[in-house]
C-alpha atoms as a PDB file:
ATOM      1  CA  UNK A   1     -35.013  -2.489 -36.997  1.00  0.00           C
ATOM      2  CA  UNK A   2     -32.059  -0.731 -35.314  1.00  0.00           C
ATOM      3  CA  UNK A   3     -28.812  -2.517 -34.638  1.00  0.00           C
ATOM      4  CA  UNK A   4     -29.602  -2.481 -30.907  1.00  0.00           C
ATOM      5  CA  UNK A   5     -32.975  -4.151 -31.474  1.00  0.00           C
ATOM      6  CA  UNK A   6     -31.336  -6.681 -33.790  1.00  0.00           C
ATOM      7  CA  UNK A   7     -28.720  -7.489 -31.135  1.00  0.00           C
ATOM      8  CA  UNK A   8     -31.434  -8.013 -28.508  1.00  0.00           C
ATOM      9  CA  UNK A   9     -33.352 -10.289 -30.889  1.00  0.00           C
ATOM     10  CA  UNK A  10     -30.268 -12.420 -31.543  1.00  0.00           C
ATOM     11  CA  UNK A  11     -29.499 -12.589 -27.813  1.00  0.00           C
ATOM     12  CA  UNK A  12     -33.024 -13.840 -27.066  1.00  0.00           C
ATOM     13  CA  UNK A  13     -32.636 -16.561 -29.717  1.00  0.00           C
ATOM     14  CA  UNK A  14     -29.321 -17.666 -28.131  1.00  0.00           C
ATOM     15  CA  UNK A  15     -30.947 -17.791 -24.678  1.00  0.00           C
ATOM     16  CA  UNK A  16     -33.918 -19.764 -25.999  1.00  0.00           C
ATOM     17  CA  UNK A  17     -31.750 -22.451 -27.604  1.00  0.00           C
ATOM     18  CA  UNK A  18     -29.398 -22.649 -24.623  1.00  0.00           C
ATOM     19  CA  UNK A  19     -26.292 -21.088 -26.159  1.00  0.00           C
ATOM     20  CA  UNK A  20     -26.320 -18.178 -23.797  1.00  0.00           C
ATOM     21  CA  UNK A  21     -26.584 -18.649 -20.041  1.00  0.00           C
ATOM     22  CA  UNK A  22     -27.630 -15.536 -18.202  1.00  0.00           C
ATOM     23  CA  UNK A  23     -26.773 -15.813 -14.552  1.00  0.00           C
ATOM     24  CA  UNK A  24     -26.911 -13.542 -11.591  1.00  0.00           C
ATOM     25  CA  UNK A  25     -23.492 -12.018 -10.929  1.00  0.00           C
ATOM     26  CA  UNK A  26     -21.906 -13.362  -7.785  1.00  0.00           C
ATOM     27  CA  UNK A  27     -20.621 -10.531  -5.663  1.00  0.00           C
ATOM     28  CA  UNK A  28     -19.691 -10.093  -2.064  1.00  0.00           C
ATOM     29  CA  UNK A  29     -20.894  -7.159  -0.039  1.00  0.00           C
ATOM     30  CA  UNK A  30     -18.291  -4.416   0.092  1.00  0.00           C
ATOM     31  CA  UNK A  31     -17.784  -4.964   3.808  1.00  0.00           C
ATOM     32  CA  UNK A  32     -16.392  -8.474   3.233  1.00  0.00           C
ATOM     33  CA  UNK A  33     -13.478  -7.346   1.056  1.00  0.00           C
ATOM     34  CA  UNK A  34     -10.318  -6.863   3.112  1.00  0.00           C
ATOM     35  CA  UNK A  35      -8.845  -3.387   2.929  1.00  0.00           C
ATOM     36  CA  UNK A  36      -5.271  -3.601   1.699  1.00  0.00           C
ATOM     37  CA  UNK A  37      -2.424  -1.420   2.851  1.00  0.00           C
ATOM     38  CA  UNK A  38       1.205  -1.059   1.893  1.00  0.00           C
ATOM     39  CA  UNK A  39       3.584  -3.190   3.927  1.00  0.00           C
ATOM     40  CA  UNK A  40       7.354  -3.135   3.498  1.00  0.00           C
ATOM     41  CA  UNK A  41      10.118  -5.635   4.058  1.00  0.00           C
ATOM     42  CA  UNK A  42      13.299  -3.718   4.844  1.00  0.00           C
ATOM     43  CA  UNK A  43      15.364  -6.874   4.369  1.00  0.00           C
ATOM     44  CA  UNK A  44      14.168  -7.591   0.792  1.00  0.00           C
ATOM     45  CA  UNK A  45      13.487  -3.932   0.007  1.00  0.00           C
ATOM     46  CA  UNK A  46      10.048  -4.784  -1.341  1.00  0.00           C
ATOM     47  CA  UNK A  47       6.538  -3.557  -0.736  1.00  0.00           C
ATOM     48  CA  UNK A  48       3.368  -5.654  -0.647  1.00  0.00           C
ATOM     49  CA  UNK A  49      -0.335  -4.772  -0.498  1.00  0.00           C
ATOM     50  CA  UNK A  50      -1.774  -6.860   2.324  1.00  0.00           C
ATOM     51  CA  UNK A  51      -4.740  -6.705   4.679  1.00  0.00           C
ATOM     52  CA  UNK A  52      -4.718  -4.538   7.772  1.00  0.00           C
ATOM     53  CA  UNK A  53      -6.387  -7.258   9.821  1.00  0.00           C
ATOM     54  CA  UNK A  54      -3.301  -9.171  10.968  1.00  0.00           C
ATOM     55  CA  UNK A  55       0.470  -9.109  11.145  1.00  0.00           C
ATOM     56  CA  UNK A  56       2.235 -10.564   8.127  1.00  0.00           C
ATOM     57  CA  UNK A  57       5.570 -12.093   7.276  1.00  0.00           C
ATOM     58  CA  UNK A  58       7.423 -11.294   4.086  1.00  0.00           C
ATOM     59  CA  UNK A  59       6.408 -13.694   1.304  1.00  0.00           C
ATOM     60  CA  UNK A  60      10.006 -13.575   0.011  1.00  0.00           C
ATOM     61  CA  UNK A  61      12.249 -14.005   3.075  1.00  0.00           C
ATOM     62  CA  UNK A  62       9.868 -14.763   5.955  1.00  0.00           C
ATOM     63  CA  UNK A  63      10.973 -11.758   8.061  1.00  0.00           C
ATOM     64  CA  UNK A  64       8.505  -9.416   9.710  1.00  0.00           C
ATOM     65  CA  UNK A  65       7.070  -6.771   7.404  1.00  0.00           C
ATOM     66  CA  UNK A  66       5.791  -3.412   8.537  1.00  0.00           C
ATOM     67  CA  UNK A  67       2.544  -1.602   7.832  1.00  0.00           C
ATOM     68  CA  UNK A  68       3.674   1.609   6.179  1.00  0.00           C
ATOM     69  CA  UNK A  69       0.386   3.353   5.531  1.00  0.00           C
ATOM     70  CA  UNK A  70      -1.948   4.183   2.743  1.00  0.00           C
ATOM     71  CA  UNK A  71       0.243   6.790   1.044  1.00  0.00           C
ATOM     72  CA  UNK A  72       3.473   4.802   1.011  1.00  0.00           C
ATOM     73  CA  UNK A  73       5.284   4.753  -2.326  1.00  0.00           C
ATOM     74  CA  UNK A  74       8.082   2.209  -2.293  1.00  0.00           C
ATOM     75  CA  UNK A  75      11.443   3.228  -3.711  1.00  0.00           C
ATOM     76  CA  UNK A  76      12.980   1.140  -6.450  1.00  0.00           C
ATOM     77  CA  UNK A  77      14.470  -2.026  -5.044  1.00  0.00           C
ATOM     78  CA  UNK A  78      17.991  -1.101  -6.160  1.00  0.00           C
ATOM     79  CA  UNK A  79      17.877   2.298  -4.443  1.00  0.00           C
ATOM     80  CA  UNK A  80      19.448   1.346  -1.102  1.00  0.00           C
ATOM     81  CA  UNK A  81      19.738   4.941   0.137  1.00  0.00           C
ATOM     82  CA  UNK A  82      16.006   5.561  -0.263  1.00  0.00           C
ATOM     83  CA  UNK A  83      15.152   2.280   1.454  1.00  0.00           C
ATOM     84  CA  UNK A  84      17.417   3.214   4.373  1.00  0.00           C
ATOM     85  CA  UNK A  85      15.700   6.609   4.531  1.00  0.00           C
ATOM     86  CA  UNK A  86      12.261   4.968   4.633  1.00  0.00           C
ATOM     87  CA  UNK A  87      13.437   2.504   7.287  1.00  0.00           C
ATOM     88  CA  UNK A  88      14.905   5.316   9.395  1.00  0.00           C
ATOM     89  CA  UNK A  89      11.719   7.370   9.157  1.00  0.00           C
ATOM     90  CA  UNK A  90       9.700   4.295  10.141  1.00  0.00           C
ATOM     91  CA  UNK A  91      12.041   3.579  13.069  1.00  0.00           C
ATOM     92  CA  UNK A  92      11.603   7.182  14.232  1.00  0.00           C
ATOM     93  CA  UNK A  93       7.806   6.810  14.310  1.00  0.00           C
ATOM     94  CA  UNK A  94       6.745   8.166  10.918  1.00  0.00           C
ATOM     95  CA  UNK A  95       3.908   6.426   9.090  1.00  0.00           C
ATOM     96  CA  UNK A  96       2.741   7.201   5.598  1.00  0.00           C
ATOM     97  CA  UNK A  97      -0.932   7.897   6.377  1.00  0.00           C
ATOM     98  CA  UNK A  98      -1.599  11.222   4.756  1.00  0.00           C
ATOM     99  CA  UNK A  99      -5.117  12.499   4.428  1.00  0.00           C
ATOM    100  CA  UNK A 100      -4.293  15.974   3.272  1.00  0.00           C
ATOM    101  CA  UNK A 101      -3.295  18.795   5.486  1.00  0.00           C
ATOM    102  CA  UNK A 102      -0.584  21.379   5.524  1.00  0.00           C
ATOM    103  CA  UNK A 103       2.640  19.921   6.825  1.00  0.00           C
ATOM    104  CA  UNK A 104       6.227  19.946   5.632  1.00  0.00           C
ATOM    105  CA  UNK A 105       7.086  17.238   3.108  1.00  0.00           C
ATOM    106  CA  UNK A 106       9.291  14.386   4.269  1.00  0.00           C
ATOM    107  CA  UNK A 107      13.006  14.648   3.468  1.00  0.00           C
ATOM    108  CA  UNK A 108      14.196  13.507   0.070  1.00  0.00           C
ATOM    109  CA  UNK A 109      17.593  12.139   1.139  1.00  0.00           C
ATOM    110  CA  UNK A 110      18.820   9.933   3.982  1.00  0.00           C
ATOM    111  CA  UNK A 111      21.352  12.543   5.093  1.00  0.00           C
ATOM    112  CA  UNK A 112      18.503  15.058   5.632  1.00  0.00           C
ATOM    113  CA  UNK A 113      16.482  12.883   8.040  1.00  0.00           C
ATOM    114  CA  UNK A 114      18.216  13.848  11.324  1.00  0.00           C
ATOM    115  CA  UNK A 115      17.907  17.570  10.659  1.00  0.00           C
ATOM    116  CA  UNK A 116      14.290  17.151   9.527  1.00  0.00           C
ATOM    117  CA  UNK A 117      13.347  15.286  12.720  1.00  0.00           C
ATOM    118  CA  UNK A 118      14.998  17.966  14.868  1.00  0.00           C
ATOM    119  CA  UNK A 119      13.153  20.740  13.035  1.00  0.00           C
ATOM    120  CA  UNK A 120       9.759  18.967  13.046  1.00  0.00           C
ATOM    121  CA  UNK A 121       9.432  16.931  16.266  1.00  0.00           C
ATOM    122  CA  UNK A 122       5.608  17.129  16.122  1.00  0.00           C
ATOM    123  CA  UNK A 123       5.157  16.354  12.420  1.00  0.00           C
ATOM    124  CA  UNK A 124       1.649  15.062  11.547  1.00  0.00           C
ATOM    125  CA  UNK A 125       3.003  11.799  10.120  1.00  0.00           C
ATOM    126  CA  UNK A 126       5.015  11.010  13.246  1.00  0.00           C
ATOM    127  CA  UNK A 127       2.320   8.998  14.971  1.00  0.00           C
ATOM    128  CA  UNK A 128       4.118   5.991  16.475  1.00  0.00           C
ATOM    129  CA  UNK A 129       6.653   5.502  19.213  1.00  0.00           C
ATOM    130  CA  UNK A 130      10.230   5.351  17.916  1.00  0.00           C
ATOM    131  CA  UNK A 131      11.795   1.888  17.705  1.00  0.00           C
ATOM    132  CA  UNK A 132      15.613   2.264  17.774  1.00  0.00           C
ATOM    133  CA  UNK A 133      16.047  -1.458  17.030  1.00  0.00           C
ATOM    134  CA  UNK A 134      14.845  -0.747  13.475  1.00  0.00           C
ATOM    135  CA  UNK A 135      17.373   1.992  12.735  1.00  0.00           C
ATOM    136  CA  UNK A 136      19.392   1.021   9.654  1.00  0.00           C
ATOM    137  CA  UNK A 137      23.145   0.924   9.459  1.00  0.00           C
ATOM    138  CA  UNK A 138      23.844   4.077   7.431  1.00  0.00           C
ATOM    139  CA  UNK A 139      27.023   2.910   5.738  1.00  0.00           C
END
């Protein structure tokens, strides 16, 4: 008898004496799982994966958080310059929904954002209306 056959034999004995319950796995259809997307709180400088279905408030501070997009990679919390850059790009209408394509990469530094926006006014990731009220204080 092979080890596999022996294992099956032992499993049947366990089932017969009640030591092994074999149930049907409980699973939801894929359509009932909420799709999660990256949201960011510019106040806390944190990112959260939350559903797309509704607006959310930051679990930390209670402020509004913003849907950043599927490809958003949050900077480290301590990196204030990068968070200001992300906030500025968001305020200028950029969203991080990349699905491939040939377009210039986003700027690496905060000080490069203004020049980048001037050079690429029709960038593929610039899909929303600008919201000047979200522009960060750059000091």
